[in-house]
């Protein structure tokens, strides 16, 4: 099911530890899913850099997701990553810098083991 309408997964807003659309290469699929679990806490210290410390939190996460063209493909061999990072949320915007480790991936996936930066409104 390759083509311009193919679905892919991965990236800092979905399954961290993979590049944007790095899951499901090269063909993609017609469906994708993603899930995440995150534990957050205040920083163990209070940085006073321009008063931004009150907007920052530490988080530890686990993400999973997959791409496929049928239910069997979607549930077979999901991609999984774990990691930790720093979140800064101001109003409706969120920035993250994370250290992510993909622990389950496929040979054609484009993994991003290490630092990953994301900015947006919705994060998993």
N, C-alpha and C. Protein backbone atom coordinates (compact mmCIF):
# COMPACT_ATOMS: atom_id res chain seq x y z
N UNK A 1 0.82 -1.19 0.00
CA UNK A 1 0.00 0.00 0.00
C UNK A 1 0.86 1.25 0.00
N UNK A 2 1.82 1.34 -0.90
CA UNK A 2 2.63 2.56 -0.95
C UNK A 2 1.89 3.61 -1.74
N UNK A 3 2.29 4.82 -1.54
CA UNK A 3 1.67 5.90 -2.28
C UNK A 3 1.62 7.16 -1.47
N UNK A 4 1.04 8.17 -2.06
CA UNK A 4 1.01 9.48 -1.43
C UNK A 4 0.13 9.50 -0.19
N UNK A 5 -0.86 8.61 -0.09
CA UNK A 5 -1.76 8.59 1.05
C UNK A 5 -1.37 7.59 2.12
N UNK A 6 -0.17 7.05 2.06
CA UNK A 6 0.27 6.05 3.03
C UNK A 6 0.42 6.69 4.42
N UNK A 7 0.13 5.91 5.45
CA UNK A 7 0.28 6.33 6.83
C UNK A 7 1.62 5.84 7.36
N UNK A 8 2.27 6.68 8.17
CA UNK A 8 3.50 6.31 8.84
C UNK A 8 3.36 6.76 10.29
N UNK A 9 4.25 6.33 11.14
CA UNK A 9 4.21 6.74 12.54
C UNK A 9 5.58 7.18 13.00
N UNK A 10 5.63 7.63 14.24
CA UNK A 10 6.90 8.02 14.83
C UNK A 10 7.08 9.53 14.89
N UNK A 11 7.99 9.93 15.75
CA UNK A 11 8.31 11.34 15.92
C UNK A 11 8.06 11.80 17.33
N UNK A 12 8.53 12.99 17.68
CA UNK A 12 8.42 13.46 19.06
C UNK A 12 6.98 13.66 19.53
N UNK A 13 6.03 13.83 18.62
CA UNK A 13 4.64 14.01 19.02
C UNK A 13 3.86 12.71 19.09
N UNK A 14 4.48 11.61 18.68
CA UNK A 14 3.77 10.32 18.74
C UNK A 14 4.66 9.29 19.42
N UNK A 15 5.41 8.51 18.67
CA UNK A 15 6.28 7.51 19.28
C UNK A 15 7.70 8.07 19.32
N UNK A 16 8.09 8.59 20.49
CA UNK A 16 9.42 9.16 20.64
C UNK A 16 10.46 8.07 20.38
N UNK A 17 11.65 8.48 20.00
CA UNK A 17 12.71 7.52 19.71
C UNK A 17 12.75 7.10 18.26
N UNK A 18 11.84 7.63 17.46
CA UNK A 18 11.81 7.40 16.02
C UNK A 18 11.72 8.76 15.35
N UNK A 19 12.31 8.86 14.17
CA UNK A 19 12.17 10.11 13.43
C UNK A 19 10.73 10.27 12.97
N UNK A 20 10.35 11.50 12.67
CA UNK A 20 9.00 11.79 12.16
C UNK A 20 8.72 10.89 10.97
N UNK A 21 7.62 10.16 11.01
CA UNK A 21 7.23 9.20 9.98
C UNK A 21 8.28 8.12 9.75
N UNK A 22 9.03 7.78 10.79
CA UNK A 22 10.08 6.77 10.67
C UNK A 22 9.60 5.34 10.88
N UNK A 23 8.35 5.16 11.30
CA UNK A 23 7.80 3.82 11.50
C UNK A 23 6.98 3.45 10.26
N UNK A 24 7.24 2.27 9.72
CA UNK A 24 6.47 1.79 8.58
C UNK A 24 7.13 1.99 7.25
N UNK A 25 8.40 2.38 7.25
CA UNK A 25 9.11 2.56 5.99
C UNK A 25 9.40 1.20 5.38
N UNK A 26 9.47 1.03 4.11
CA UNK A 26 9.27 2.04 3.07
C UNK A 26 7.83 2.13 2.58
N UNK A 27 6.97 1.16 2.90
CA UNK A 27 5.65 1.11 2.27
C UNK A 27 4.56 1.87 3.02
N UNK A 28 4.66 1.96 4.33
CA UNK A 28 3.59 2.58 5.10
C UNK A 28 2.40 1.65 5.21
N UNK A 29 1.26 2.20 5.54
CA UNK A 29 0.04 1.43 5.68
C UNK A 29 -1.16 2.33 5.52
N UNK A 30 -2.32 1.77 5.76
CA UNK A 30 -3.54 2.57 5.67
C UNK A 30 -4.04 3.00 7.04
N UNK A 31 -3.42 2.45 8.12
CA UNK A 31 -3.82 2.77 9.49
C UNK A 31 -2.58 2.84 10.37
N UNK A 32 -2.70 3.58 11.45
CA UNK A 32 -1.64 3.59 12.45
C UNK A 32 -2.25 3.83 13.83
N UNK A 33 -1.49 3.46 14.86
CA UNK A 33 -1.91 3.72 16.23
C UNK A 33 -0.69 4.08 17.05
N UNK A 34 -0.93 4.76 18.15
CA UNK A 34 0.13 5.10 19.08
C UNK A 34 -0.43 5.24 20.47
N UNK A 35 0.39 4.94 21.47
CA UNK A 35 -0.02 5.05 22.87
C UNK A 35 1.19 5.47 23.69
N UNK A 36 0.93 6.12 24.79
CA UNK A 36 2.02 6.56 25.64
C UNK A 36 1.65 6.56 27.11
N UNK A 37 2.67 6.41 27.93
CA UNK A 37 2.54 6.47 29.38
C UNK A 37 3.65 7.37 29.87
N UNK A 38 3.31 8.35 30.71
CA UNK A 38 4.30 9.31 31.15
C UNK A 38 4.12 9.63 32.63
N UNK A 39 5.22 9.65 33.36
CA UNK A 39 5.24 10.09 34.75
C UNK A 39 5.96 11.43 34.78
N UNK A 40 5.32 12.45 35.34
CA UNK A 40 5.94 13.77 35.40
C UNK A 40 6.09 14.21 36.85
N UNK A 41 7.06 15.08 37.06
CA UNK A 41 7.27 15.65 38.39
C UNK A 41 7.95 17.00 38.24
N UNK A 42 7.86 17.78 39.29
CA UNK A 42 8.55 19.07 39.29
C UNK A 42 10.05 18.85 39.27
N UNK A 43 10.77 19.84 38.83
CA UNK A 43 12.23 19.75 38.84
C UNK A 43 12.73 19.62 40.28
N UNK A 44 13.81 18.89 40.50
CA UNK A 44 14.33 18.74 41.86
C UNK A 44 15.00 20.01 42.37
N UNK A 45 15.09 21.03 41.54
CA UNK A 45 15.63 22.33 41.92
C UNK A 45 14.77 23.39 41.22
N UNK A 46 14.95 24.63 41.56
CA UNK A 46 14.11 25.69 40.98
C UNK A 46 14.97 26.64 40.15
N UNK A 47 15.08 26.39 38.84
CA UNK A 47 15.89 27.30 38.02
C UNK A 47 15.19 28.66 37.88
N UNK A 48 15.98 29.71 37.99
CA UNK A 48 15.42 31.06 37.93
C UNK A 48 15.80 31.74 36.61
N UNK A 49 15.93 30.98 35.56
CA UNK A 49 16.28 31.53 34.25
C UNK A 49 15.05 32.23 33.70
N UNK A 50 15.02 33.53 33.78
CA UNK A 50 13.91 34.35 33.29
C UNK A 50 12.57 33.90 33.88
N UNK A 51 12.56 33.26 35.03
CA UNK A 51 11.33 32.83 35.66
C UNK A 51 10.67 31.63 34.99
N UNK A 52 11.41 30.93 34.13
CA UNK A 52 10.82 29.82 33.38
C UNK A 52 10.73 28.52 34.17
N UNK A 53 11.39 28.45 35.32
CA UNK A 53 11.40 27.23 36.10
C UNK A 53 10.02 26.73 36.49
N UNK A 54 9.08 27.65 36.72
CA UNK A 54 7.74 27.23 37.12
C UNK A 54 6.98 26.55 35.99
N UNK A 55 7.46 26.65 34.76
CA UNK A 55 6.80 26.02 33.62
C UNK A 55 7.46 24.68 33.23
N UNK A 56 8.51 24.29 33.94
CA UNK A 56 9.29 23.11 33.55
C UNK A 56 9.01 21.92 34.45
N UNK A 57 9.04 20.73 33.83
CA UNK A 57 8.86 19.47 34.55
C UNK A 57 9.78 18.42 33.93
N UNK A 58 10.11 17.42 34.73
CA UNK A 58 10.84 16.25 34.26
C UNK A 58 9.81 15.16 33.96
N UNK A 59 10.05 14.37 32.92
CA UNK A 59 9.14 13.24 32.69
C UNK A 59 9.90 12.01 32.23
N UNK A 60 9.31 10.88 32.54
CA UNK A 60 9.81 9.57 32.13
C UNK A 60 8.67 8.93 31.36
N UNK A 61 8.97 8.31 30.23
CA UNK A 61 7.89 7.87 29.35
C UNK A 61 8.17 6.50 28.74
N UNK A 62 7.08 5.90 28.29
CA UNK A 62 7.11 4.70 27.44
C UNK A 62 6.10 4.96 26.33
N UNK A 63 6.49 4.76 25.10
CA UNK A 63 5.61 4.94 23.95
C UNK A 63 5.59 3.66 23.13
N UNK A 64 4.47 3.43 22.46
CA UNK A 64 4.33 2.28 21.56
C UNK A 64 3.46 2.70 20.39
N UNK A 65 3.63 2.04 19.27
CA UNK A 65 2.80 2.31 18.11
C UNK A 65 3.13 1.37 16.98
N UNK A 66 2.29 1.42 15.94
CA UNK A 66 2.52 0.56 14.79
C UNK A 66 1.76 1.10 13.59
N UNK A 67 2.11 0.58 12.43
CA UNK A 67 1.51 0.96 11.15
C UNK A 67 1.15 -0.32 10.43
N UNK A 68 0.03 -0.32 9.72
CA UNK A 68 -0.35 -1.50 8.95
C UNK A 68 -1.53 -1.22 8.05
N UNK A 69 -1.88 -2.22 7.28
CA UNK A 69 -3.02 -2.11 6.38
C UNK A 69 -4.16 -3.05 6.77
N UNK A 70 -3.96 -3.82 7.85
CA UNK A 70 -5.02 -4.67 8.39
C UNK A 70 -4.77 -4.86 9.88
N UNK A 71 -5.77 -5.37 10.60
CA UNK A 71 -5.67 -5.51 12.04
C UNK A 71 -4.48 -6.38 12.45
N UNK A 72 -4.24 -7.45 11.72
CA UNK A 72 -3.13 -8.34 12.07
C UNK A 72 -1.78 -7.62 12.00
N UNK A 73 -1.60 -6.77 10.99
CA UNK A 73 -0.35 -6.00 10.87
C UNK A 73 -0.22 -4.98 12.00
N UNK A 74 -1.36 -4.39 12.41
CA UNK A 74 -1.32 -3.37 13.46
C UNK A 74 -0.93 -3.93 14.82
N UNK A 75 -1.31 -5.17 15.11
CA UNK A 75 -1.02 -5.74 16.43
C UNK A 75 0.27 -6.54 16.46
N UNK A 76 0.83 -6.86 15.29
CA UNK A 76 2.06 -7.65 15.22
C UNK A 76 3.29 -6.75 15.37
N UNK A 77 4.15 -7.11 16.29
CA UNK A 77 5.44 -6.45 16.48
C UNK A 77 5.34 -4.93 16.62
N UNK A 78 4.64 -4.43 17.64
CA UNK A 78 4.59 -2.97 17.82
C UNK A 78 5.97 -2.40 18.14
N UNK A 79 6.17 -1.16 17.75
CA UNK A 79 7.42 -0.46 18.07
C UNK A 79 7.27 0.14 19.46
N UNK A 80 8.35 0.11 20.24
CA UNK A 80 8.31 0.57 21.63
C UNK A 80 9.58 1.37 21.92
N UNK A 81 9.41 2.46 22.68
CA UNK A 81 10.56 3.24 23.13
C UNK A 81 10.34 3.70 24.57
N UNK A 82 11.43 3.98 25.26
CA UNK A 82 11.39 4.50 26.63
C UNK A 82 12.40 5.63 26.72
N UNK A 83 12.22 6.47 27.74
CA UNK A 83 13.18 7.54 27.93
C UNK A 83 12.76 8.53 28.99
N UNK A 84 13.52 9.61 29.06
CA UNK A 84 13.28 10.70 30.02
C UNK A 84 13.55 12.02 29.32
N UNK A 85 12.96 13.07 29.89
CA UNK A 85 13.19 14.36 29.28
C UNK A 85 12.71 15.51 30.14
N UNK A 86 12.80 16.68 29.55
CA UNK A 86 12.40 17.92 30.19
C UNK A 86 11.28 18.53 29.37
N UNK A 87 10.19 18.91 30.04
CA UNK A 87 9.03 19.52 29.40
C UNK A 87 8.93 20.97 29.84
N UNK A 88 8.63 21.85 28.90
CA UNK A 88 8.30 23.22 29.25
C UNK A 88 6.97 23.55 28.58
N UNK A 89 5.97 23.86 29.40
CA UNK A 89 4.64 24.16 28.87
C UNK A 89 4.26 25.57 29.25
N UNK A 90 3.96 26.37 28.22
CA UNK A 90 3.51 27.74 28.41
C UNK A 90 2.24 27.91 27.59
N UNK A 91 1.16 28.29 28.28
CA UNK A 91 -0.16 28.40 27.66
C UNK A 91 -0.51 27.06 27.01
N UNK A 92 -0.84 27.05 25.73
CA UNK A 92 -1.20 25.80 25.05
C UNK A 92 -0.03 25.16 24.33
N UNK A 93 1.15 25.72 24.43
CA UNK A 93 2.31 25.20 23.71
C UNK A 93 3.21 24.40 24.64
N UNK A 94 3.82 23.37 24.07
CA UNK A 94 4.68 22.49 24.84
C UNK A 94 5.96 22.24 24.06
N UNK A 95 7.08 22.35 24.75
CA UNK A 95 8.39 22.00 24.18
C UNK A 95 8.97 20.87 25.01
N UNK A 96 9.62 19.94 24.32
CA UNK A 96 10.25 18.82 25.01
C UNK A 96 11.65 18.61 24.46
N UNK A 97 12.55 18.25 25.35
CA UNK A 97 13.83 17.69 24.93
C UNK A 97 13.96 16.38 25.70
N UNK A 98 14.12 15.29 24.95
CA UNK A 98 14.09 13.95 25.53
C UNK A 98 15.31 13.15 25.11
N UNK A 99 15.65 12.20 25.96
CA UNK A 99 16.60 11.17 25.58
C UNK A 99 15.77 9.90 25.44
N UNK A 100 15.64 9.40 24.23
CA UNK A 100 14.78 8.26 23.94
C UNK A 100 15.59 7.06 23.47
N UNK A 101 15.13 5.88 23.87
CA UNK A 101 15.79 4.63 23.48
C UNK A 101 14.73 3.71 22.87
N UNK A 102 14.77 3.49 21.56
CA UNK A 102 13.86 2.52 20.96
C UNK A 102 14.27 1.10 21.39
N UNK A 103 13.34 0.39 22.02
CA UNK A 103 13.69 -0.96 22.49
C UNK A 103 13.07 -2.05 21.62
N UNK A 104 12.11 -1.69 20.77
CA UNK A 104 11.56 -2.62 19.77
C UNK A 104 11.35 -1.85 18.48
N UNK A 105 12.01 -2.29 17.44
CA UNK A 105 11.85 -1.65 16.14
C UNK A 105 12.11 -2.66 15.04
N UNK A 106 11.76 -2.30 13.82
CA UNK A 106 11.95 -3.16 12.66
C UNK A 106 13.15 -2.65 11.86
N UNK A 107 13.78 -3.51 11.06
CA UNK A 107 14.98 -3.11 10.32
C UNK A 107 14.80 -1.88 9.42
N UNK A 108 13.62 -1.68 8.85
CA UNK A 108 13.42 -0.55 7.95
C UNK A 108 13.00 0.73 8.67
N UNK A 109 12.75 0.67 9.98
CA UNK A 109 12.38 1.87 10.73
C UNK A 109 13.57 2.83 10.81
N UNK A 110 13.25 4.11 10.93
CA UNK A 110 14.29 5.13 11.08
C UNK A 110 14.28 5.56 12.55
N UNK A 111 15.19 4.97 13.33
CA UNK A 111 15.21 5.22 14.77
C UNK A 111 16.04 6.45 15.10
N UNK A 112 15.71 7.05 16.22
CA UNK A 112 16.43 8.22 16.72
C UNK A 112 16.83 7.94 18.16
N UNK A 113 17.84 7.12 18.34
CA UNK A 113 18.32 6.76 19.67
C UNK A 113 19.15 7.93 20.18
N UNK A 114 18.65 8.60 21.20
CA UNK A 114 19.38 9.74 21.75
C UNK A 114 18.47 10.94 21.93
N UNK A 115 19.05 12.13 21.77
CA UNK A 115 18.30 13.36 22.00
C UNK A 115 17.29 13.62 20.89
N UNK A 116 16.12 14.08 21.30
CA UNK A 116 15.05 14.40 20.37
C UNK A 116 14.33 15.63 20.91
N UNK A 117 14.06 16.57 20.03
CA UNK A 117 13.40 17.82 20.40
C UNK A 117 12.04 17.89 19.74
N UNK A 118 11.03 18.34 20.48
CA UNK A 118 9.70 18.49 19.91
C UNK A 118 9.04 19.75 20.41
N UNK A 119 8.22 20.36 19.56
CA UNK A 119 7.44 21.52 19.93
C UNK A 119 6.07 21.36 19.31
N UNK A 120 5.03 21.68 20.05
CA UNK A 120 3.69 21.51 19.51
C UNK A 120 2.62 21.75 20.54
N UNK A 121 1.43 21.28 20.21
CA UNK A 121 0.28 21.44 21.10
C UNK A 121 -0.10 20.10 21.71
N UNK A 122 -0.16 19.04 20.88
CA UNK A 122 -0.55 17.71 21.36
C UNK A 122 0.65 16.77 21.36
N UNK A 123 0.93 16.18 22.49
CA UNK A 123 1.97 15.17 22.61
C UNK A 123 1.36 13.96 23.27
N UNK A 124 1.93 12.81 22.96
CA UNK A 124 1.48 11.60 23.62
C UNK A 124 2.16 11.50 24.95
